[in-house]
């Protein structure tokens, strides 16, 4: 939660389309033969007693956490000149 708040404060966002694409394309449990299955998604939400909004907010936070981790790793990586 703290990471999410810091990211938001710094203007690092995950757009609605990024969240949608992640749910539709990157979660194998919601796919059959490589195609998104809405029924699988809805059954998951029902089984976890979650709403689409709650789940999408969790995905949004996960995307932000990953984006921040990548930014942090990139900023702490030594420059090629430093390695030489």
N, C-alpha and C. Protein backbone atom coordinates (compact mmCIF):
# COMPACT_ATOMS: atom_id res chain seq x y z
N UNK A 1 0.82 -1.19 0.00
CA UNK A 1 0.00 0.00 0.00
C UNK A 1 0.87 1.26 0.00
N UNK A 2 1.95 1.22 0.77
CA UNK A 2 2.85 2.38 0.83
C UNK A 2 3.49 2.63 -0.53
N UNK A 3 3.89 1.56 -1.21
CA UNK A 3 4.48 1.69 -2.54
C UNK A 3 3.47 2.30 -3.50
N UNK A 4 2.24 1.83 -3.42
CA UNK A 4 1.18 2.36 -4.28
C UNK A 4 0.97 3.85 -4.03
N UNK A 5 0.95 4.25 -2.77
CA UNK A 5 0.77 5.66 -2.44
C UNK A 5 1.94 6.50 -2.94
N UNK A 6 3.14 5.99 -2.80
CA UNK A 6 4.32 6.72 -3.28
C UNK A 6 4.29 6.86 -4.80
N UNK A 7 3.92 5.79 -5.49
CA UNK A 7 3.85 5.83 -6.95
C UNK A 7 2.81 6.85 -7.41
N UNK A 8 1.67 6.83 -6.77
CA UNK A 8 0.61 7.77 -7.12
C UNK A 8 1.07 9.21 -6.88
N UNK A 9 1.74 9.42 -5.76
CA UNK A 9 2.24 10.76 -5.43
C UNK A 9 3.22 11.26 -6.49
N UNK A 10 4.02 10.35 -7.03
CA UNK A 10 5.02 10.72 -8.04
C UNK A 10 4.45 10.72 -9.46
N UNK A 11 3.16 10.43 -9.59
CA UNK A 11 2.53 10.47 -10.91
C UNK A 11 2.75 9.22 -11.74
N UNK A 12 3.15 8.14 -11.11
CA UNK A 12 3.32 6.87 -11.81
C UNK A 12 1.99 6.15 -11.75
N UNK A 13 1.41 5.89 -12.90
CA UNK A 13 0.07 5.34 -12.96
C UNK A 13 0.00 4.10 -13.82
N UNK A 14 -1.04 3.32 -13.61
CA UNK A 14 -1.38 2.22 -14.50
C UNK A 14 -2.74 2.57 -15.09
N UNK A 15 -2.81 2.65 -16.39
CA UNK A 15 -4.04 3.08 -17.05
C UNK A 15 -5.08 1.96 -17.03
N UNK A 16 -6.31 2.34 -17.27
CA UNK A 16 -7.40 1.36 -17.34
C UNK A 16 -7.13 0.34 -18.44
N UNK A 17 -6.58 0.78 -19.56
CA UNK A 17 -6.31 -0.16 -20.65
C UNK A 17 -5.19 -1.13 -20.28
N UNK A 18 -4.19 -0.69 -19.51
CA UNK A 18 -3.15 -1.60 -19.04
C UNK A 18 -3.73 -2.66 -18.12
N UNK A 19 -4.62 -2.25 -17.24
CA UNK A 19 -5.27 -3.19 -16.32
C UNK A 19 -6.10 -4.19 -17.12
N UNK A 20 -6.89 -3.69 -18.05
CA UNK A 20 -7.72 -4.56 -18.89
C UNK A 20 -6.87 -5.55 -19.67
N UNK A 21 -5.81 -5.04 -20.30
CA UNK A 21 -4.94 -5.92 -21.09
C UNK A 21 -4.29 -6.99 -20.23
N UNK A 22 -3.88 -6.62 -19.02
CA UNK A 22 -3.25 -7.59 -18.13
C UNK A 22 -4.24 -8.70 -17.78
N UNK A 23 -5.47 -8.32 -17.43
CA UNK A 23 -6.48 -9.32 -17.07
C UNK A 23 -6.81 -10.22 -18.26
N UNK A 24 -6.97 -9.62 -19.42
CA UNK A 24 -7.40 -10.36 -20.60
C UNK A 24 -6.28 -11.19 -21.22
N UNK A 25 -5.04 -10.69 -21.18
CA UNK A 25 -3.95 -11.35 -21.91
C UNK A 25 -2.94 -12.08 -21.04
N UNK A 26 -2.76 -11.65 -19.79
CA UNK A 26 -1.63 -12.14 -19.01
C UNK A 26 -1.98 -13.07 -17.85
N UNK A 27 -3.24 -13.37 -17.66
CA UNK A 27 -3.62 -14.28 -16.58
C UNK A 27 -4.13 -15.58 -17.21
N UNK A 28 -3.28 -16.60 -17.23
CA UNK A 28 -3.65 -17.86 -17.90
C UNK A 28 -4.92 -18.51 -17.35
N UNK A 29 -5.21 -18.29 -16.08
CA UNK A 29 -6.40 -18.91 -15.47
C UNK A 29 -7.70 -18.41 -16.11
N UNK A 30 -7.64 -17.27 -16.77
CA UNK A 30 -8.83 -16.71 -17.41
C UNK A 30 -8.88 -17.01 -18.91
N UNK A 31 -8.00 -17.88 -19.37
CA UNK A 31 -7.92 -18.17 -20.81
C UNK A 31 -8.19 -19.65 -21.10
N UNK A 32 -8.67 -19.87 -22.29
CA UNK A 32 -8.80 -21.22 -22.83
C UNK A 32 -8.39 -21.14 -24.29
N UNK A 33 -7.43 -21.97 -24.67
CA UNK A 33 -6.88 -21.94 -26.04
C UNK A 33 -6.40 -20.54 -26.42
N UNK A 34 -5.80 -19.84 -25.45
CA UNK A 34 -5.24 -18.53 -25.71
C UNK A 34 -6.25 -17.40 -25.79
N UNK A 35 -7.50 -17.69 -25.51
CA UNK A 35 -8.56 -16.67 -25.59
C UNK A 35 -9.14 -16.42 -24.20
N UNK A 36 -9.36 -15.14 -23.89
CA UNK A 36 -9.96 -14.75 -22.63
C UNK A 36 -11.37 -15.31 -22.52
N UNK A 37 -11.67 -15.90 -21.37
CA UNK A 37 -13.00 -16.44 -21.12
C UNK A 37 -13.64 -15.66 -19.97
N UNK A 38 -14.61 -14.86 -20.32
CA UNK A 38 -15.27 -14.02 -19.32
C UNK A 38 -15.87 -14.86 -18.19
N UNK A 39 -16.41 -16.03 -18.54
CA UNK A 39 -16.99 -16.90 -17.52
C UNK A 39 -15.96 -17.31 -16.48
N UNK A 40 -14.72 -17.60 -16.91
CA UNK A 40 -13.66 -17.97 -15.97
C UNK A 40 -13.38 -16.81 -15.01
N UNK A 41 -13.35 -15.62 -15.57
CA UNK A 41 -13.09 -14.41 -14.79
C UNK A 41 -14.20 -14.20 -13.75
N UNK A 42 -15.44 -14.30 -14.20
CA UNK A 42 -16.57 -14.09 -13.30
C UNK A 42 -16.64 -15.17 -12.22
N UNK A 43 -16.32 -16.42 -12.58
CA UNK A 43 -16.30 -17.49 -11.58
C UNK A 43 -15.22 -17.25 -10.53
N UNK A 44 -14.06 -16.76 -11.00
CA UNK A 44 -12.98 -16.44 -10.06
C UNK A 44 -13.43 -15.35 -9.09
N UNK A 45 -14.04 -14.30 -9.62
CA UNK A 45 -14.51 -13.22 -8.77
C UNK A 45 -15.51 -13.74 -7.74
N UNK A 46 -16.42 -14.58 -8.20
CA UNK A 46 -17.43 -15.14 -7.30
C UNK A 46 -16.78 -16.01 -6.23
N UNK A 47 -15.82 -16.84 -6.63
CA UNK A 47 -15.20 -17.76 -5.67
C UNK A 47 -14.35 -17.02 -4.63
N UNK A 48 -13.84 -15.86 -4.99
CA UNK A 48 -13.03 -15.08 -4.05
C UNK A 48 -13.85 -13.98 -3.37
N UNK A 49 -15.14 -13.96 -3.68
CA UNK A 49 -16.04 -12.94 -3.12
C UNK A 49 -15.50 -11.54 -3.35
N UNK A 50 -15.11 -11.32 -4.59
CA UNK A 50 -14.53 -10.04 -4.98
C UNK A 50 -15.38 -9.41 -6.07
N UNK A 51 -15.30 -8.11 -6.17
CA UNK A 51 -15.98 -7.40 -7.26
C UNK A 51 -14.97 -7.11 -8.36
N UNK A 52 -15.44 -6.87 -9.57
CA UNK A 52 -14.50 -6.50 -10.63
C UNK A 52 -13.65 -5.29 -10.25
N UNK A 53 -14.25 -4.32 -9.59
CA UNK A 53 -13.51 -3.11 -9.17
C UNK A 53 -12.41 -3.43 -8.18
N UNK A 54 -12.72 -4.29 -7.20
CA UNK A 54 -11.71 -4.69 -6.22
C UNK A 54 -10.54 -5.41 -6.90
N UNK A 55 -10.88 -6.34 -7.79
CA UNK A 55 -9.83 -7.11 -8.47
C UNK A 55 -9.00 -6.20 -9.37
N UNK A 56 -9.65 -5.30 -10.09
CA UNK A 56 -8.93 -4.38 -10.97
C UNK A 56 -8.01 -3.46 -10.17
N UNK A 57 -8.44 -3.03 -9.00
CA UNK A 57 -7.57 -2.21 -8.16
C UNK A 57 -6.35 -2.99 -7.69
N UNK A 58 -6.53 -4.26 -7.37
CA UNK A 58 -5.40 -5.10 -6.98
C UNK A 58 -4.42 -5.25 -8.16
N UNK A 59 -4.95 -5.49 -9.35
CA UNK A 59 -4.10 -5.61 -10.54
C UNK A 59 -3.38 -4.29 -10.78
N UNK A 60 -4.07 -3.18 -10.63
CA UNK A 60 -3.46 -1.86 -10.83
C UNK A 60 -2.27 -1.67 -9.87
N UNK A 61 -2.46 -2.05 -8.62
CA UNK A 61 -1.38 -1.95 -7.63
C UNK A 61 -0.22 -2.87 -8.01
N UNK A 62 -0.52 -4.07 -8.49
CA UNK A 62 0.53 -4.99 -8.90
C UNK A 62 1.34 -4.43 -10.07
N UNK A 63 0.66 -3.83 -11.03
CA UNK A 63 1.34 -3.21 -12.17
C UNK A 63 2.24 -2.07 -11.69
N UNK A 64 1.73 -1.25 -10.80
CA UNK A 64 2.53 -0.14 -10.26
C UNK A 64 3.75 -0.65 -9.50
N UNK A 65 3.56 -1.69 -8.68
CA UNK A 65 4.69 -2.26 -7.94
C UNK A 65 5.77 -2.77 -8.89
N UNK A 66 5.34 -3.46 -9.94
CA UNK A 66 6.30 -3.97 -10.92
C UNK A 66 7.01 -2.82 -11.64
N UNK A 67 6.26 -1.80 -12.01
CA UNK A 67 6.85 -0.65 -12.71
C UNK A 67 7.86 0.06 -11.81
N UNK A 68 7.53 0.25 -10.54
CA UNK A 68 8.46 0.89 -9.60
C UNK A 68 9.71 0.05 -9.38
N UNK A 69 9.52 -1.26 -9.26
CA UNK A 69 10.68 -2.14 -9.07
C UNK A 69 11.62 -2.04 -10.26
N UNK A 70 11.05 -2.03 -11.48
CA UNK A 70 11.89 -1.90 -12.68
C UNK A 70 12.62 -0.56 -12.71
N UNK A 71 11.93 0.51 -12.33
CA UNK A 71 12.56 1.83 -12.29
C UNK A 71 13.69 1.86 -11.27
N UNK A 72 13.45 1.28 -10.12
CA UNK A 72 14.47 1.24 -9.07
C UNK A 72 15.67 0.42 -9.53
N UNK A 73 15.42 -0.75 -10.10
CA UNK A 73 16.53 -1.59 -10.58
C UNK A 73 17.33 -0.88 -11.67
N UNK A 74 16.65 -0.19 -12.57
CA UNK A 74 17.35 0.53 -13.64
C UNK A 74 18.19 1.67 -13.08
N UNK A 75 17.68 2.31 -12.04
CA UNK A 75 18.42 3.45 -11.50
C UNK A 75 19.59 3.03 -10.62
N UNK A 76 19.58 1.82 -10.13
CA UNK A 76 20.68 1.36 -9.26
C UNK A 76 21.70 0.52 -10.00
N UNK A 77 21.44 0.20 -11.24
CA UNK A 77 22.37 -0.57 -12.06
C UNK A 77 23.58 0.30 -12.40
N UNK A 78 24.78 -0.25 -12.25
CA UNK A 78 25.97 0.57 -12.58
C UNK A 78 26.03 0.88 -14.09
N UNK A 79 26.55 2.05 -14.38
CA UNK A 79 26.74 2.43 -15.78
C UNK A 79 27.86 1.61 -16.37
N UNK A 80 27.87 1.46 -17.69
CA UNK A 80 28.94 0.71 -18.36
C UNK A 80 30.31 1.31 -18.04
N UNK A 81 30.38 2.63 -17.99
CA UNK A 81 31.63 3.30 -17.66
C UNK A 81 32.09 2.93 -16.26
N UNK A 82 31.18 2.84 -15.33
CA UNK A 82 31.51 2.45 -13.95
C UNK A 82 32.00 1.01 -13.89
N UNK A 83 31.43 0.14 -14.71
CA UNK A 83 31.84 -1.25 -14.71
C UNK A 83 33.27 -1.41 -15.25
N UNK A 84 33.65 -0.56 -16.22
CA UNK A 84 34.99 -0.63 -16.80
C UNK A 84 35.99 -0.12 -15.81
